[in-house]
Amino acid sequence: MVLILLKGSRNVIFTYLSSPLIVNQYIGVLSGAQIIASSLFIVLLVWTFYVRVANDFKKMTPNKSFELSS
């Protein structure tokens, strides 16, 4: 969705973010701002996990070298 910024468009953006987008019996009522904040939080968690695992793989070294007998 593309919002064109015109005079008074700030009210449109705030209305869009504060109006309920998802109404579910189990989740409840979620606004656009809550969905964006939750998505950014989940992205931050996934990125943090990825960076930690990637650094752990960089630090890994084999305990002993395996020699193949022929």
N, C-alpha and C. Protein backbone atom coordinates (compact mmCIF):
# COMPACT_ATOMS: atom_id res chain seq x y z
N MET A 1 0.84 -1.17 0.00
CA MET A 1 0.00 0.00 0.00
C MET A 1 0.89 1.24 0.00
N VAL A 2 0.65 2.11 -0.94
CA VAL A 2 1.44 3.34 -1.06
C VAL A 2 0.56 4.51 -0.63
N LEU A 3 1.07 5.26 0.33
CA LEU A 3 0.35 6.44 0.78
C LEU A 3 1.01 7.67 0.19
N ILE A 4 0.23 8.50 -0.47
CA ILE A 4 0.76 9.73 -1.05
C ILE A 4 0.69 10.81 0.03
N LEU A 5 1.82 11.45 0.27
CA LEU A 5 1.88 12.47 1.31
C LEU A 5 1.38 13.80 0.77
N LEU A 6 0.20 14.18 1.21
CA LEU A 6 -0.39 15.46 0.84
C LEU A 6 -0.74 16.21 2.12
N LYS A 7 -1.32 17.37 1.97
CA LYS A 7 -1.74 18.14 3.13
C LYS A 7 -2.81 17.35 3.90
N GLY A 8 -2.58 17.14 5.18
CA GLY A 8 -3.53 16.39 6.00
C GLY A 8 -3.35 14.89 5.92
N SER A 9 -2.31 14.44 5.25
CA SER A 9 -2.12 13.00 5.12
C SER A 9 -1.61 12.37 6.40
N ARG A 10 -1.08 13.19 7.31
CA ARG A 10 -0.61 12.68 8.59
C ARG A 10 -1.77 12.05 9.35
N ASN A 11 -2.94 12.66 9.26
CA ASN A 11 -4.12 12.10 9.92
C ASN A 11 -4.51 10.77 9.31
N VAL A 12 -4.34 10.63 8.00
CA VAL A 12 -4.67 9.38 7.32
C VAL A 12 -3.74 8.28 7.79
N ILE A 13 -2.45 8.58 7.93
CA ILE A 13 -1.48 7.58 8.36
C ILE A 13 -1.77 7.15 9.79
N PHE A 14 -2.02 8.12 10.67
CA PHE A 14 -2.32 7.77 12.06
C PHE A 14 -3.61 6.98 12.17
N THR A 15 -4.60 7.34 11.36
CA THR A 15 -5.86 6.61 11.38
C THR A 15 -5.65 5.19 10.88
N TYR A 16 -4.84 5.03 9.84
CA TYR A 16 -4.57 3.70 9.30
C TYR A 16 -3.83 2.84 10.33
N LEU A 17 -2.87 3.42 11.04
CA LEU A 17 -2.10 2.65 12.01
C LEU A 17 -2.89 2.35 13.28
N SER A 18 -3.84 3.21 13.63
CA SER A 18 -4.56 3.00 14.89
C SER A 18 -5.87 2.25 14.71
N SER A 19 -6.35 2.12 13.50
CA SER A 19 -7.61 1.39 13.29
C SER A 19 -7.35 -0.12 13.35
N PRO A 20 -8.33 -0.88 13.82
CA PRO A 20 -8.14 -2.33 13.93
C PRO A 20 -8.02 -2.99 12.56
N LEU A 21 -7.00 -3.82 12.39
CA LEU A 21 -6.80 -4.54 11.13
C LEU A 21 -7.18 -6.00 11.26
N ILE A 22 -6.89 -6.59 12.41
CA ILE A 22 -7.19 -8.00 12.64
C ILE A 22 -8.08 -8.10 13.86
N VAL A 23 -9.21 -8.74 13.69
CA VAL A 23 -10.09 -9.02 14.82
C VAL A 23 -10.28 -10.53 14.84
N ASN A 24 -9.78 -11.15 15.90
CA ASN A 24 -9.79 -12.60 16.00
C ASN A 24 -10.21 -12.98 17.41
N GLN A 25 -10.88 -14.11 17.53
CA GLN A 25 -11.33 -14.55 18.84
C GLN A 25 -10.16 -14.90 19.75
N TYR A 26 -9.10 -15.48 19.20
CA TYR A 26 -7.97 -15.93 20.00
C TYR A 26 -6.93 -14.82 20.20
N ILE A 27 -6.68 -14.04 19.17
CA ILE A 27 -5.66 -12.99 19.24
C ILE A 27 -6.22 -11.72 19.85
N GLY A 28 -7.41 -11.36 19.48
CA GLY A 28 -8.01 -10.12 19.93
C GLY A 28 -8.02 -9.10 18.80
N VAL A 29 -7.97 -7.85 19.16
CA VAL A 29 -7.99 -6.77 18.17
C VAL A 29 -6.58 -6.22 18.03
N LEU A 30 -6.05 -6.25 16.82
CA LEU A 30 -4.69 -5.75 16.56
C LEU A 30 -4.76 -4.58 15.59
N SER A 31 -4.05 -3.52 15.93
CA SER A 31 -3.98 -2.36 15.04
C SER A 31 -2.74 -2.49 14.15
N GLY A 32 -2.64 -1.60 13.19
CA GLY A 32 -1.50 -1.62 12.29
C GLY A 32 -0.19 -1.35 13.01
N ALA A 33 -0.21 -0.44 13.98
CA ALA A 33 1.01 -0.12 14.73
C ALA A 33 1.46 -1.32 15.55
N GLN A 34 0.54 -2.05 16.15
CA GLN A 34 0.89 -3.24 16.92
C GLN A 34 1.48 -4.32 16.02
N ILE A 35 0.93 -4.48 14.84
CA ILE A 35 1.44 -5.48 13.90
C ILE A 35 2.84 -5.11 13.44
N ILE A 36 3.07 -3.84 13.14
CA ILE A 36 4.40 -3.39 12.72
C ILE A 36 5.41 -3.56 13.85
N ALA A 37 5.04 -3.17 15.07
CA ALA A 37 5.95 -3.31 16.21
C ALA A 37 6.27 -4.77 16.49
N SER A 38 5.27 -5.63 16.42
CA SER A 38 5.50 -7.06 16.65
C SER A 38 6.39 -7.65 15.57
N SER A 39 6.17 -7.25 14.33
CA SER A 39 7.00 -7.75 13.23
C SER A 39 8.45 -7.31 13.39
N LEU A 40 8.67 -6.06 13.75
CA LEU A 40 10.04 -5.58 13.96
C LEU A 40 10.71 -6.30 15.12
N PHE A 41 9.97 -6.58 16.18
CA PHE A 41 10.52 -7.30 17.32
C PHE A 41 10.92 -8.72 16.92
N ILE A 42 10.08 -9.39 16.14
CA ILE A 42 10.39 -10.76 15.70
C ILE A 42 11.59 -10.74 14.76
N VAL A 43 11.68 -9.76 13.87
CA VAL A 43 12.84 -9.64 12.98
C VAL A 43 14.11 -9.42 13.80
N LEU A 44 14.05 -8.60 14.84
CA LEU A 44 15.20 -8.38 15.71
C LEU A 44 15.62 -9.68 16.40
N LEU A 45 14.66 -10.45 16.89
CA LEU A 45 14.99 -11.73 17.54
C LEU A 45 15.64 -12.70 16.56
N VAL A 46 15.09 -12.81 15.36
CA VAL A 46 15.64 -13.72 14.35
C VAL A 46 17.04 -13.28 13.95
N TRP A 47 17.24 -11.98 13.75
CA TRP A 47 18.56 -11.47 13.37
C TRP A 47 19.58 -11.74 14.47
N THR A 48 19.21 -11.51 15.73
CA THR A 48 20.12 -11.76 16.85
C THR A 48 20.50 -13.24 16.91
N PHE A 49 19.52 -14.12 16.76
CA PHE A 49 19.79 -15.55 16.77
C PHE A 49 20.72 -15.94 15.63
N TYR A 50 20.47 -15.40 14.43
CA TYR A 50 21.30 -15.70 13.27
C TYR A 50 22.74 -15.26 13.49
N VAL A 51 22.93 -14.05 14.01
CA VAL A 51 24.29 -13.54 14.23
C VAL A 51 25.02 -14.39 15.25
N ARG A 52 24.36 -14.78 16.32
CA ARG A 52 25.01 -15.60 17.35
C ARG A 52 25.40 -16.97 16.80
N VAL A 53 24.51 -17.60 16.04
CA VAL A 53 24.81 -18.91 15.48
C VAL A 53 25.91 -18.80 14.44
N ALA A 54 25.88 -17.77 13.60
CA ALA A 54 26.92 -17.59 12.59
C ALA A 54 28.28 -17.39 13.24
N ASN A 55 28.34 -16.62 14.31
CA ASN A 55 29.61 -16.42 15.02
C ASN A 55 30.08 -17.70 15.68
N ASP A 56 29.16 -18.50 16.20
CA ASP A 56 29.55 -19.77 16.79
C ASP A 56 30.14 -20.71 15.74
N PHE A 57 29.56 -20.71 14.53
CA PHE A 57 30.11 -21.56 13.47
C PHE A 57 31.49 -21.07 13.03
N LYS A 58 31.72 -19.77 13.07
CA LYS A 58 33.04 -19.24 12.70
C LYS A 58 34.10 -19.68 13.71
N LYS A 59 33.72 -19.77 14.98
CA LYS A 59 34.67 -20.11 16.04
C LYS A 59 34.93 -21.61 16.14
N MET A 60 34.09 -22.41 15.52
CA MET A 60 34.24 -23.86 15.65
C MET A 60 35.50 -24.35 14.96
N THR A 61 36.24 -25.20 15.65
CA THR A 61 37.40 -25.86 15.06
C THR A 61 37.29 -27.34 15.41
N PRO A 62 37.79 -28.20 14.56
CA PRO A 62 37.72 -29.63 14.88
C PRO A 62 38.61 -29.95 16.09
N ASN A 63 38.15 -30.87 16.93
CA ASN A 63 38.91 -31.25 18.12
C ASN A 63 40.19 -31.97 17.74
N LYS A 64 40.11 -32.88 16.82
CA LYS A 64 41.31 -33.56 16.34
C LYS A 64 41.12 -33.87 14.87
N SER A 65 42.20 -33.91 14.16
CA SER A 65 42.10 -34.18 12.73
C SER A 65 41.94 -35.68 12.52
N PHE A 66 41.09 -36.00 11.61
CA PHE A 66 40.83 -37.40 11.31
C PHE A 66 41.75 -37.84 10.18
N GLU A 67 42.39 -38.97 10.38
CA GLU A 67 43.26 -39.51 9.34
C GLU A 67 42.56 -40.72 8.74
N LEU A 68 42.46 -40.70 7.44
CA LEU A 68 41.82 -41.81 6.76
C LEU A 68 42.86 -42.89 6.51
N SER A 69 42.53 -44.10 6.91
CA SER A 69 43.46 -45.21 6.65
C SER A 69 43.16 -45.78 5.27
N SER A 70 44.22 -46.08 4.56
CA SER A 70 44.00 -46.62 3.22
C SER A 70 44.59 -48.00 3.08
